[in-house]
Amino acid sequence: MKNEHKISYLEERIQLLESEIEKLTKENRLLSEKQGIQNTILEKSLGGYYILLEREFRLINPIIASYTGYAQEEIIGKPADFLIHPEDKESVKKNAFAMKTGSLVIPYEYRIVTRQNEIRWVLEVVASITFEGKQAVLGSAMDITQQKMTEKKLMESENLYRTIFETTGTATVIIEDDKTLSLINSEFEKVTGYKIKDWEGKRTWVDLIDERDRSRLEEYHRLRRIDPELAPRTYEFRLVDSQGNIKNMLSANCLIPGTRKHVCSVIDITELEEKGSELLVKTHKLEELNTALRVMLKQRAEDREELEQTLMSSIKELIMPNLGKLRKAGSEQSRQIYHDLIASNLEEMFSPFSRKLSNRFRSLTTTEIQVAHLIKDGKNSKEIADVLSVSSSAVDVYRYRIRKKMGINNQKVNLRSYLLSLP
């Protein structure tokens, strides 16, 4: 009887153990799947990720390595701040602490120094995690160097535009589609007697016009937005200043390309009404200023259009074909090859070296710039052929064309050395 009881007890224990084993097996499988997903995210993400343990790099993904110039294994074990620009180390330390404690919720920016001693900008967020049973830091950092360069150029362009706007020698305003004065220069105060702060972005030009001229000027405003050629560019009107005085004004107008805004410059010709010859001189001056503004605005629009076309062309030639191949790839190895090629092409599209080549040697095609980039990085013809999925002989043809377009075809100079020497 006792044996039967023991057997029954053992059978129950065995069933419990089997149940626990099955449960643990499922949990291990789920844990393994989660780990696989996490690894895939780290390896394939377009953003940079890293883990710091005891203020040292313990894990980084390929993106971090790509924009720092270091191999992954070279970064592992290094101090947390070894990449940070010396002038930014203290602020990064404070921002990271503030974000981990919840007092900072927006990403912060700072500079890094790459292996090639280049200064690059990154945008970063961090969070506290547990890693290998210890308190650690998970960071996500994005290379924003290109955005910073664009911001700088836009700022320089805006400063130039504002300087020209302020030094035309005439009262100049930007007029919105709804007739609001959105931007006003200092000459406006001298002509009208009003303060800029009371008008800019708040009132319309209609309030400045003598009622005898309002309907005519409002019709010009309407026609200009249908077709700039339907409204006169220069005309006279009567303005009522802050003291109620009526002044005779000469106005020049130009619609800003790609917008429904227009630039309006005016000069007071009240005294010049009695001096016809002087009026003619002023008219010519105003026309010249207006032409200069129009040329500047047109150039800005053309530069923007050229930049957009260049970017779209690069995407069509370097990215879209490989995306199609990536979708059709059968094996994991093939997908990885096309994934790496897309990543490489994206890196090249936004690299400073590619921009320099494109600007200096405008006859170079997108593929030739890509080949030059690979040659500069020390790739041989076979390696380049593998990356571009072409034959080695095709790469040799690209080499010949690059040398010819750079004017070194008949010179005894190594192509890679020449590319490295370019300023």
Foldseek 3Di string as FASTA:
>chain_A
DVVVVVVVVVVVVVVVVVVVVVVVVVVVVVVVVVVVVVVCCQAQPCWKKFKFDPQATQDIYVNVCVVQVHDRVVRGGDGNCPFFDPVCVVVVVVQQVCLQVPNDDAWDKGWTQHPVRDIWMKTKHKYWDADPNHIMIMMIIDTCRLVVVVVVVVVVLVVVVVVLCQPLPFWKFKAALVQAGQDTYPNVCVVAVDDCVVGHVPDGCLVFFDPVCNVVVVVLLVVCQVPVVVHDQKDWGWTQHPVRDIFIKIKGKDQQPPHSMIMITIDTCRVVVVPVVVVVVVVVSVVVSVVVVNVSSVVVVVVVVVVVVLVVVLCVVQPVVLVVQLVVDDDPVSNVLSSVLNVLSVCLSSDPLLVVCCVPQVVDDSVLSSLLVVVLVVDQLVRSCSSVVHDSVVSVVSVCVVCVSVVCNPPPDDSNVVSVPDD
